[in-house]
All heavy atoms as atom14 arrays in JSON, in Angstrom:
{
  "sequence": "DEVGATRWVLAGTDYVYPRTTNKILEAYLKSKGVKDADIMINYTP",
  "atom14_mask": [
    [1, 1, 1, 1, 1, 1, 1, 1, 0, 0, 0, 0, 0, 0],
    [1, 1, 1, 1, 1, 1, 1, 1, 1, 0, 0, 0, 0, 0],
    [1, 1, 1, 1, 1, 1, 1, 0, 0, 0, 0, 0, 0, 0],
    [1, 1, 1, 1, 0, 0, 0, 0, 0, 0, 0, 0, 0, 0],
    [1, 1, 1, 1, 1, 0, 0, 0, 0, 0, 0, 0, 0, 0],
    [1, 1, 1, 1, 1, 1, 1, 0, 0, 0, 0, 0, 0, 0],
    [1, 1, 1, 1, 1, 1, 1, 1, 1, 1, 1, 0, 0, 0],
    [1, 1, 1, 1, 1, 1, 1, 1, 1, 1, 1, 1, 1, 1],
    [1, 1, 1, 1, 1, 1, 1, 0, 0, 0, 0, 0, 0, 0],
    [1, 1, 1, 1, 1, 1, 1, 1, 0, 0, 0, 0, 0, 0],
    [1, 1, 1, 1, 1, 0, 0, 0, 0, 0, 0, 0, 0, 0],
    [1, 1, 1, 1, 0, 0, 0, 0, 0, 0, 0, 0, 0, 0],
    [1, 1, 1, 1, 1, 1, 1, 0, 0, 0, 0, 0, 0, 0],
    [1, 1, 1, 1, 1, 1, 1, 1, 0, 0, 0, 0, 0, 0],
    [1, 1, 1, 1, 1, 1, 1, 1, 1, 1, 1, 1, 0, 0],
    [1, 1, 1, 1, 1, 1, 1, 0, 0, 0, 0, 0, 0, 0],
    [1, 1, 1, 1, 1, 1, 1, 1, 1, 1, 1, 1, 0, 0],
    [1, 1, 1, 1, 1, 1, 1, 0, 0, 0, 0, 0, 0, 0],
    [1, 1, 1, 1, 1, 1, 1, 1, 1, 1, 1, 0, 0, 0],
    [1, 1, 1, 1, 1, 1, 1, 0, 0, 0, 0, 0, 0, 0],
    [1, 1, 1, 1, 1, 1, 1, 0, 0, 0, 0, 0, 0, 0],
    [1, 1, 1, 1, 1, 1, 1, 1, 0, 0, 0, 0, 0, 0],
    [1, 1, 1, 1, 1, 1, 1, 1, 1, 0, 0, 0, 0, 0],
    [1, 1, 1, 1, 1, 1, 1, 1, 0, 0, 0, 0, 0, 0],
    [1, 1, 1, 1, 1, 1, 1, 1, 0, 0, 0, 0, 0, 0],
    [1, 1, 1, 1, 1, 1, 1, 1, 1, 0, 0, 0, 0, 0],
    [1, 1, 1, 1, 1, 0, 0, 0, 0, 0, 0, 0, 0, 0],
    [1, 1, 1, 1, 1, 1, 1, 1, 1, 1, 1, 1, 0, 0],
    [1, 1, 1, 1, 1, 1, 1, 1, 0, 0, 0, 0, 0, 0],
    [1, 1, 1, 1, 1, 1, 1, 1, 1, 0, 0, 0, 0, 0],
    [1, 1, 1, 1, 1, 1, 0, 0, 0, 0, 0, 0, 0, 0],
    [1, 1, 1, 1, 1, 1, 1, 1, 1, 0, 0, 0, 0, 0],
    [1, 1, 1, 1, 0, 0, 0, 0, 0, 0, 0, 0, 0, 0],
    [1, 1, 1, 1, 1, 1, 1, 0, 0, 0, 0, 0, 0, 0],
    [1, 1, 1, 1, 1, 1, 1, 1, 1, 0, 0, 0, 0, 0],
    [1, 1, 1, 1, 1, 1, 1, 1, 0, 0, 0, 0, 0, 0],
    [1, 1, 1, 1, 1, 0, 0, 0, 0, 0, 0, 0, 0, 0],
    [1, 1, 1, 1, 1, 1, 1, 1, 0, 0, 0, 0, 0, 0],
    [1, 1, 1, 1, 1, 1, 1, 1, 0, 0, 0, 0, 0, 0],
    [1, 1, 1, 1, 1, 1, 1, 1, 0, 0, 0, 0, 0, 0],
    [1, 1, 1, 1, 1, 1, 1, 1, 0, 0, 0, 0, 0, 0],
    [1, 1, 1, 1, 1, 1, 1, 1, 0, 0, 0, 0, 0, 0],
    [1, 1, 1, 1, 1, 1, 1, 1, 1, 1, 1, 1, 0, 0],
    [1, 1, 1, 1, 1, 1, 1, 0, 0, 0, 0, 0, 0, 0],
    [1, 1, 1, 1, 1, 1, 1, 0, 0, 0, 0, 0, 0, 0]
  ],
  "atom14_positions": [
    [[233.78, -30.84, 12.41], [233.83, -31.02, 10.96], [232.7, -31.9, 10.42], [232.17, -31.64, 9.33], [235.18, -31.62, 10.56], [236.35, -30.72, 10.93], [236.14, -29.51, 11.11], [237.48, -31.25, 11.07], [0.0, 0.0, 0.0], [0.0, 0.0, 0.0], [0.0, 0.0, 0.0], [0.0, 0.0, 0.0], [0.0, 0.0, 0.0], [0.0, 0.0, 0.0]],
    [[232.33, -32.93, 11.17], [231.36, -33.89, 10.66], [229.96, -33.7, 11.23], [228.98, -34.06, 10.59], [231.83, -35.32, 10.97], [233.21, -35.66, 10.41], [233.28, -35.57, 8.91], [232.25, -35.84, 8.25], [234.35, -35.21, 8.37], [0.0, 0.0, 0.0], [0.0, 0.0, 0.0], [0.0, 0.0, 0.0], [0.0, 0.0, 0.0], [0.0, 0.0, 0.0]],
    [[229.85, -33.15, 12.42], [228.55, -32.97, 13.07], [228.1, -31.52, 13.01], [226.92, -31.22, 13.08], [228.6, -33.48, 14.52], [227.26, -33.3, 15.23], [229.01, -34.95, 14.56], [0.0, 0.0, 0.0], [0.0, 0.0, 0.0], [0.0, 0.0, 0.0], [0.0, 0.0, 0.0], [0.0, 0.0, 0.0], [0.0, 0.0, 0.0], [0.0, 0.0, 0.0]],
    [[229.06, -30.61, 12.88], [228.73, -29.19, 12.79], [228.51, -28.51, 14.12], [227.83, -27.47, 14.2], [0.0, 0.0, 0.0], [0.0, 0.0, 0.0], [0.0, 0.0, 0.0], [0.0, 0.0, 0.0], [0.0, 0.0, 0.0], [0.0, 0.0, 0.0], [0.0, 0.0, 0.0], [0.0, 0.0, 0.0], [0.0, 0.0, 0.0], [0.0, 0.0, 0.0]],
    [[229.08, -29.05, 15.19], [228.9, -28.47, 16.52], [229.57, -27.1, 16.61], [230.71, -26.91, 16.16], [229.46, -29.4, 17.58], [0.0, 0.0, 0.0], [0.0, 0.0, 0.0], [0.0, 0.0, 0.0], [0.0, 0.0, 0.0], [0.0, 0.0, 0.0], [0.0, 0.0, 0.0], [0.0, 0.0, 0.0], [0.0, 0.0, 0.0], [0.0, 0.0, 0.0]],
    [[228.84, -26.16, 17.23], [229.38, -24.81, 17.46], [229.24, -24.38, 18.92], [229.78, -23.35, 19.32], [228.67, -23.77, 16.57], [227.27, -23.78, 16.83], [228.92, -24.09, 15.08], [0.0, 0.0, 0.0], [0.0, 0.0, 0.0], [0.0, 0.0, 0.0], [0.0, 0.0, 0.0], [0.0, 0.0, 0.0], [0.0, 0.0, 0.0], [0.0, 0.0, 0.0]],
    [[228.5, -25.16, 19.72], [228.31, -24.88, 21.14], [228.73, -26.11, 21.93], [228.44, -27.24, 21.52], [226.86, -24.52, 21.43], [226.66, -23.55, 22.56], [225.35, -22.82, 22.53], [225.46, -21.62, 23.35], [224.66, -21.33, 24.35], [223.7, -22.17, 24.7], [224.81, -20.19, 25.04], [0.0, 0.0, 0.0], [0.0, 0.0, 0.0], [0.0, 0.0, 0.0]],
    [[229.39, -25.92, 23.09], [230.09, -27.03, 23.7], [229.85, -27.11, 25.2], [229.95, -26.12, 25.92], [231.61, -26.87, 23.46], [231.93, -26.79, 22.0], [231.92, -25.67, 21.22], [232.25, -27.88, 21.14], [232.23, -26.0, 19.92], [232.44, -27.35, 19.85], [232.41, -29.26, 21.34], [232.78, -28.14, 18.76], [232.74, -30.06, 20.27], [232.92, -29.49, 19.0]],
    [[229.54, -28.33, 25.66], [229.47, -28.64, 27.08], [230.66, -29.53, 27.42], [230.82, -30.61, 26.84], [228.17, -29.35, 27.46], [228.17, -29.7, 28.95], [226.96, -28.5, 27.11], [0.0, 0.0, 0.0], [0.0, 0.0, 0.0], [0.0, 0.0, 0.0], [0.0, 0.0, 0.0], [0.0, 0.0, 0.0], [0.0, 0.0, 0.0], [0.0, 0.0, 0.0]],
    [[231.51, -29.07, 28.33], [232.64, -29.87, 28.81], [232.25, -30.38, 30.2], [232.31, -29.64, 31.18], [233.92, -29.03, 28.87], [234.3, -28.3, 27.57], [235.62, -27.53, 27.75], [234.41, -29.26, 26.39], [0.0, 0.0, 0.0], [0.0, 0.0, 0.0], [0.0, 0.0, 0.0], [0.0, 0.0, 0.0], [0.0, 0.0, 0.0], [0.0, 0.0, 0.0]],
    [[231.83, -31.64, 30.27], [231.34, -32.23, 31.52], [232.32, -33.28, 32.02], [232.69, -34.19, 31.27], [229.96, -32.86, 31.3], [0.0, 0.0, 0.0], [0.0, 0.0, 0.0], [0.0, 0.0, 0.0], [0.0, 0.0, 0.0], [0.0, 0.0, 0.0], [0.0, 0.0, 0.0], [0.0, 0.0, 0.0], [0.0, 0.0, 0.0], [0.0, 0.0, 0.0]],
    [[232.74, -33.15, 33.27], [233.74, -34.09, 33.77], [233.62, -34.38, 35.25], [232.96, -33.66, 36.01], [0.0, 0.0, 0.0], [0.0, 0.0, 0.0], [0.0, 0.0, 0.0], [0.0, 0.0, 0.0], [0.0, 0.0, 0.0], [0.0, 0.0, 0.0], [0.0, 0.0, 0.0], [0.0, 0.0, 0.0], [0.0, 0.0, 0.0], [0.0, 0.0, 0.0]],
    [[234.27, -35.43, 35.67], [234.45, -35.73, 37.08], [235.52, -34.8, 37.63], [236.47, -34.45, 36.93], [234.87, -37.2, 37.26], [233.88, -38.05, 36.63], [234.98, -37.57, 38.73], [0.0, 0.0, 0.0], [0.0, 0.0, 0.0], [0.0, 0.0, 0.0], [0.0, 0.0, 0.0], [0.0, 0.0, 0.0], [0.0, 0.0, 0.0], [0.0, 0.0, 0.0]],
    [[235.37, -34.41, 38.89], [236.23, -33.37, 39.44], [237.57, -33.94, 39.93], [237.75, -34.23, 41.11], [235.52, -32.65, 40.59], [236.24, -31.37, 41.0], [237.21, -30.98, 40.33], [235.8, -30.75, 41.99], [0.0, 0.0, 0.0], [0.0, 0.0, 0.0], [0.0, 0.0, 0.0], [0.0, 0.0, 0.0], [0.0, 0.0, 0.0], [0.0, 0.0, 0.0]],
    [[238.49, -34.11, 39.0], [239.86, -34.47, 39.35], [240.77, -34.02, 38.22], [240.34, -33.34, 37.27], [240.01, -35.96, 39.69], [239.92, -36.93, 38.52], [241.04, -37.58, 38.07], [238.71, -37.2, 37.9], [240.97, -38.48, 37.02], [238.62, -38.09, 36.85], [239.76, -38.73, 36.42], [239.69, -39.63, 35.37], [0.0, 0.0, 0.0], [0.0, 0.0, 0.0]],
    [[242.04, -34.4, 38.29], [243.07, -33.78, 37.46], [242.85, -34.03, 35.96], [243.02, -33.1, 35.15], [244.49, -34.23, 37.88], [244.67, -35.72, 37.78], [245.55, -33.5, 37.07], [0.0, 0.0, 0.0], [0.0, 0.0, 0.0], [0.0, 0.0, 0.0], [0.0, 0.0, 0.0], [0.0, 0.0, 0.0], [0.0, 0.0, 0.0], [0.0, 0.0, 0.0]],
    [[242.46, -35.22, 35.56], [242.33, -35.49, 34.13], [241.27, -34.62, 33.46], [241.56, -33.94, 32.48], [242.06, -36.98, 33.87], [241.54, -37.27, 32.48], [242.34, -37.06, 31.36], [240.24, -37.73, 32.28], [241.85, -37.29, 30.08], [239.75, -37.97, 31.01], [240.56, -37.74, 29.91], [240.07, -37.97, 28.64], [0.0, 0.0, 0.0], [0.0, 0.0, 0.0]],
    [[240.02, -34.6, 33.95], [239.04, -33.73, 33.29], [239.41, -32.25, 33.34], [239.22, -31.53, 32.35], [237.75, -34.01, 34.07], [237.96, -35.38, 34.62], [239.41, -35.42, 34.99], [0.0, 0.0, 0.0], [0.0, 0.0, 0.0], [0.0, 0.0, 0.0], [0.0, 0.0, 0.0], [0.0, 0.0, 0.0], [0.0, 0.0, 0.0], [0.0, 0.0, 0.0]],
    [[239.9, -31.77, 34.48], [240.2, -30.35, 34.58], [241.33, -29.94, 33.63], [241.24, -28.89, 32.98], [240.54, -29.97, 36.03], [239.3, -29.91, 36.92], [239.57, -29.25, 38.25], [238.36, -29.06, 39.04], [237.54, -28.03, 38.95], [237.81, -27.05, 38.09], [236.45, -27.94, 39.69], [0.0, 0.0, 0.0], [0.0, 0.0, 0.0], [0.0, 0.0, 0.0]],
    [[242.37, -30.75, 33.55], [243.48, -30.4, 32.66], [243.08, -30.58, 31.19], [243.38, -29.74, 30.34], [244.72, -31.25, 32.98], [245.05, -31.1, 34.35], [245.91, -30.81, 32.12], [0.0, 0.0, 0.0], [0.0, 0.0, 0.0], [0.0, 0.0, 0.0], [0.0, 0.0, 0.0], [0.0, 0.0, 0.0], [0.0, 0.0, 0.0], [0.0, 0.0, 0.0]],
    [[242.39, -31.68, 30.88], [241.95, -31.91, 29.51], [240.99, -30.82, 29.05], [241.09, -30.31, 27.92], [241.27, -33.29, 29.39], [242.22, -34.31, 29.71], [240.76, -33.53, 27.98], [0.0, 0.0, 0.0], [0.0, 0.0, 0.0], [0.0, 0.0, 0.0], [0.0, 0.0, 0.0], [0.0, 0.0, 0.0], [0.0, 0.0, 0.0], [0.0, 0.0, 0.0]],
    [[240.07, -30.43, 29.93], [239.13, -29.37, 29.56], [239.82, -28.02, 29.42], [239.39, -27.17, 28.63], [238.0, -29.3, 30.58], [237.02, -30.43, 30.43], [236.99, -31.12, 29.4], [236.23, -30.68, 31.47], [0.0, 0.0, 0.0], [0.0, 0.0, 0.0], [0.0, 0.0, 0.0], [0.0, 0.0, 0.0], [0.0, 0.0, 0.0], [0.0, 0.0, 0.0]],
    [[240.87, -27.78, 30.19], [241.67, -26.57, 30.02], [242.3, -26.54, 28.63], [242.3, -25.5, 27.95], [242.76, -26.52, 31.1], [243.61, -25.25, 31.11], [244.62, -25.32, 32.25], [245.51, -24.13, 32.28], [246.53, -24.23, 33.37], [0.0, 0.0, 0.0], [0.0, 0.0, 0.0], [0.0, 0.0, 0.0], [0.0, 0.0, 0.0], [0.0, 0.0, 0.0]],
    [[242.8, -27.7, 28.19], [243.36, -27.82, 26.85], [242.27, -27.64, 25.8], [242.44, -26.9, 24.81], [244.07, -29.18, 26.68], [245.31, -29.24, 27.58], [244.46, -29.41, 25.23], [245.93, -30.63, 27.69], [0.0, 0.0, 0.0], [0.0, 0.0, 0.0], [0.0, 0.0, 0.0], [0.0, 0.0, 0.0], [0.0, 0.0, 0.0], [0.0, 0.0, 0.0]],
    [[241.12, -28.31, 26.0], [240.03, -28.23, 25.04], [239.46, -26.82, 24.95], [239.13, -26.34, 23.87], [238.93, -29.22, 25.4], [239.26, -30.71, 25.2], [238.09, -31.58, 25.62], [239.66, -30.99, 23.76], [0.0, 0.0, 0.0], [0.0, 0.0, 0.0], [0.0, 0.0, 0.0], [0.0, 0.0, 0.0], [0.0, 0.0, 0.0], [0.0, 0.0, 0.0]],
    [[239.33, -26.15, 26.1], [238.83, -24.78, 26.09], [239.76, -23.87, 25.27], [239.29, -23.06, 24.46], [238.7, -24.26, 27.52], [238.07, -22.87, 27.61], [237.93, -22.36, 29.03], [238.53, -22.97, 29.95], [237.22, -21.37, 29.25], [0.0, 0.0, 0.0], [0.0, 0.0, 0.0], [0.0, 0.0, 0.0], [0.0, 0.0, 0.0], [0.0, 0.0, 0.0]],
    [[241.08, -24.01, 25.48], [242.03, -23.21, 24.71], [241.94, -23.56, 23.23], [242.01, -22.67, 22.36], [243.44, -23.46, 25.23], [0.0, 0.0, 0.0], [0.0, 0.0, 0.0], [0.0, 0.0, 0.0], [0.0, 0.0, 0.0], [0.0, 0.0, 0.0], [0.0, 0.0, 0.0], [0.0, 0.0, 0.0], [0.0, 0.0, 0.0], [0.0, 0.0, 0.0]],
    [[241.78, -24.85, 22.93], [241.68, -25.27, 21.53], [240.41, -24.73, 20.87], [240.45, -24.23, 19.74], [241.7, -26.8, 21.46], [241.69, -27.34, 20.05], [242.78, -27.17, 19.21], [240.58, -28.02, 19.55], [242.78, -27.67, 17.92], [240.57, -28.53, 18.26], [241.67, -28.34, 17.45], [241.67, -28.83, 16.16], [0.0, 0.0, 0.0], [0.0, 0.0, 0.0]],
    [[239.27, -24.81, 21.58], [238.03, -24.29, 21.04], [238.12, -22.79, 20.77], [237.66, -22.3, 19.72], [236.88, -24.58, 22.01], [236.44, -26.05, 22.12], [235.48, -26.23, 23.29], [235.8, -26.52, 20.82], [0.0, 0.0, 0.0], [0.0, 0.0, 0.0], [0.0, 0.0, 0.0], [0.0, 0.0, 0.0], [0.0, 0.0, 0.0], [0.0, 0.0, 0.0]],
    [[238.7, -22.05, 21.7], [238.83, -20.6, 21.51], [239.76, -20.27, 20.35], [239.55, -19.29, 19.63], [239.31, -19.95, 22.8], [238.25, -19.95, 23.9], [238.76, -19.3, 25.18], [237.66, -19.28, 26.25], [238.13, -18.66, 27.51], [0.0, 0.0, 0.0], [0.0, 0.0, 0.0], [0.0, 0.0, 0.0], [0.0, 0.0, 0.0], [0.0, 0.0, 0.0]],
    [[240.79, -21.12, 20.13], [241.67, -20.91, 18.98], [240.93, -21.13, 17.67], [241.36, -20.64, 16.62], [242.89, -21.84, 19.06], [242.55, -23.19, 18.72], [0.0, 0.0, 0.0], [0.0, 0.0, 0.0], [0.0, 0.0, 0.0], [0.0, 0.0, 0.0], [0.0, 0.0, 0.0], [0.0, 0.0, 0.0], [0.0, 0.0, 0.0], [0.0, 0.0, 0.0]],
    [[239.81, -21.86, 17.73], [238.97, -22.11, 16.57], [237.84, -21.08, 16.44], [236.97, -21.23, 15.58], [238.37, -23.51, 16.66], [239.39, -24.64, 16.57], [239.97, -24.76, 15.17], [240.86, -25.97, 15.04], [241.38, -26.14, 13.65], [0.0, 0.0, 0.0], [0.0, 0.0, 0.0], [0.0, 0.0, 0.0], [0.0, 0.0, 0.0], [0.0, 0.0, 0.0]],
    [[237.86, -20.07, 17.32], [236.87, -19.0, 17.23], [235.64, -19.16, 18.08], [234.7, -18.36, 17.98], [0.0, 0.0, 0.0], [0.0, 0.0, 0.0], [0.0, 0.0, 0.0], [0.0, 0.0, 0.0], [0.0, 0.0, 0.0], [0.0, 0.0, 0.0], [0.0, 0.0, 0.0], [0.0, 0.0, 0.0], [0.0, 0.0, 0.0], [0.0, 0.0, 0.0]],
    [[235.59, -20.19, 18.94], [234.43, -20.39, 19.81], [234.46, -19.37, 20.94], [235.5, -19.16, 21.59], [234.41, -21.82, 20.39], [233.21, -22.02, 21.31], [234.38, -22.84, 19.25], [0.0, 0.0, 0.0], [0.0, 0.0, 0.0], [0.0, 0.0, 0.0], [0.0, 0.0, 0.0], [0.0, 0.0, 0.0], [0.0, 0.0, 0.0], [0.0, 0.0, 0.0]],
    [[233.31, -18.72, 21.21], [233.21, -17.69, 22.24], [232.97, -18.31, 23.62], [232.46, -19.42, 23.74], [232.08, -16.71, 21.91], [232.17, -16.08, 20.52], [233.43, -15.25, 20.35], [233.46, -14.57, 18.99], [234.73, -13.83, 18.78], [0.0, 0.0, 0.0], [0.0, 0.0, 0.0], [0.0, 0.0, 0.0], [0.0, 0.0, 0.0], [0.0, 0.0, 0.0]],
    [[233.31, -17.54, 24.66], [233.09, -17.99, 26.04], [231.64, -18.4, 26.28], [231.36, -19.38, 26.98], [233.48, -16.88, 27.03], [234.99, -16.76, 27.22], [235.71, -17.74, 26.94], [235.45, -15.69, 27.66], [0.0, 0.0, 0.0], [0.0, 0.0, 0.0], [0.0, 0.0, 0.0], [0.0, 0.0, 0.0], [0.0, 0.0, 0.0], [0.0, 0.0, 0.0]],
    [[230.71, -17.62, 25.72], [229.29, -17.88, 25.93], [228.83, -19.21, 25.34], [227.76, -19.72, 25.72], [228.46, -16.74, 25.34], [0.0, 0.0, 0.0], [0.0, 0.0, 0.0], [0.0, 0.0, 0.0], [0.0, 0.0, 0.0], [0.0, 0.0, 0.0], [0.0, 0.0, 0.0], [0.0, 0.0, 0.0], [0.0, 0.0, 0.0], [0.0, 0.0, 0.0]],
    [[229.63, -19.76, 24.44], [229.28, -21.02, 23.81], [230.04, -22.2, 24.41], [230.1, -23.28, 23.81], [229.53, -20.95, 22.3], [228.53, -20.05, 21.59], [227.35, -20.05, 22.0], [228.92, -19.34, 20.64], [0.0, 0.0, 0.0], [0.0, 0.0, 0.0], [0.0, 0.0, 0.0], [0.0, 0.0, 0.0], [0.0, 0.0, 0.0], [0.0, 0.0, 0.0]],
    [[230.6, -22.0, 25.6], [231.29, -23.08, 26.3], [230.73, -23.18, 27.72], [230.79, -22.23, 28.49], [232.82, -22.85, 26.37], [233.41, -22.72, 24.95], [233.49, -24.01, 27.11], [234.88, -22.36, 24.95], [0.0, 0.0, 0.0], [0.0, 0.0, 0.0], [0.0, 0.0, 0.0], [0.0, 0.0, 0.0], [0.0, 0.0, 0.0], [0.0, 0.0, 0.0]],
    [[230.18, -24.33, 28.07], [229.68, -24.61, 29.42], [230.56, -25.7, 30.03], [230.79, -26.73, 29.4], [228.22, -25.07, 29.35], [227.68, -25.64, 30.66], [225.98, -26.27, 30.43], [225.76, -27.21, 31.96], [0.0, 0.0, 0.0], [0.0, 0.0, 0.0], [0.0, 0.0, 0.0], [0.0, 0.0, 0.0], [0.0, 0.0, 0.0], [0.0, 0.0, 0.0]],
    [[231.04, -25.45, 31.25], [231.92, -26.41, 31.92], [231.28, -26.82, 33.24], [230.83, -25.97, 34.02], [233.32, -25.81, 32.17], [233.96, -25.38, 30.84], [234.22, -26.83, 32.86], [235.3, -24.68, 30.98], [0.0, 0.0, 0.0], [0.0, 0.0, 0.0], [0.0, 0.0, 0.0], [0.0, 0.0, 0.0], [0.0, 0.0, 0.0], [0.0, 0.0, 0.0]],
    [[231.23, -28.13, 33.49], [230.63, -28.65, 34.71], [231.44, -29.81, 35.25], [231.89, -30.68, 34.5], [229.19, -29.11, 34.44], [228.53, -29.7, 35.68], [228.63, -30.9, 35.91], [227.87, -28.86, 36.47], [0.0, 0.0, 0.0], [0.0, 0.0, 0.0], [0.0, 0.0, 0.0], [0.0, 0.0, 0.0], [0.0, 0.0, 0.0], [0.0, 0.0, 0.0]],
    [[231.64, -29.84, 36.58], [232.35, -30.93, 37.24], [231.5, -31.52, 38.36], [230.78, -30.81, 39.05], [233.68, -30.46, 37.81], [234.66, -29.99, 36.77], [234.9, -28.63, 36.58], [235.33, -30.9, 35.97], [235.79, -28.2, 35.62], [236.22, -30.47, 34.99], [236.44, -29.13, 34.82], [237.32, -28.71, 33.86], [0.0, 0.0, 0.0], [0.0, 0.0, 0.0]],
    [[231.61, -32.83, 38.53], [230.91, -33.54, 39.6], [231.9, -34.43, 40.34], [232.9, -34.86, 39.77], [229.77, -34.4, 39.05], [230.26, -35.24, 37.99], [228.65, -33.53, 38.5], [0.0, 0.0, 0.0], [0.0, 0.0, 0.0], [0.0, 0.0, 0.0], [0.0, 0.0, 0.0], [0.0, 0.0, 0.0], [0.0, 0.0, 0.0], [0.0, 0.0, 0.0]],
    [[231.62, -34.75, 41.6], [232.53, -35.62, 42.36], [232.45, -37.08, 41.88], [231.51, -37.47, 41.19], [232.04, -35.49, 43.8], [230.6, -35.11, 43.67], [230.5, -34.26, 42.43], [0.0, 0.0, 0.0], [0.0, 0.0, 0.0], [0.0, 0.0, 0.0], [0.0, 0.0, 0.0], [0.0, 0.0, 0.0], [0.0, 0.0, 0.0], [0.0, 0.0, 0.0]]
  ]
}
């Protein structure tokens, strides 16, 4: 709403909190009309 972002990088450490939160965020973004191609997900140890 304030920055105008339409493309998203979900970057997290590889454990339960980032994976579950990003699962929620991915579903939320798609409910807002964001396409798969505009979502990048990355995890690191």
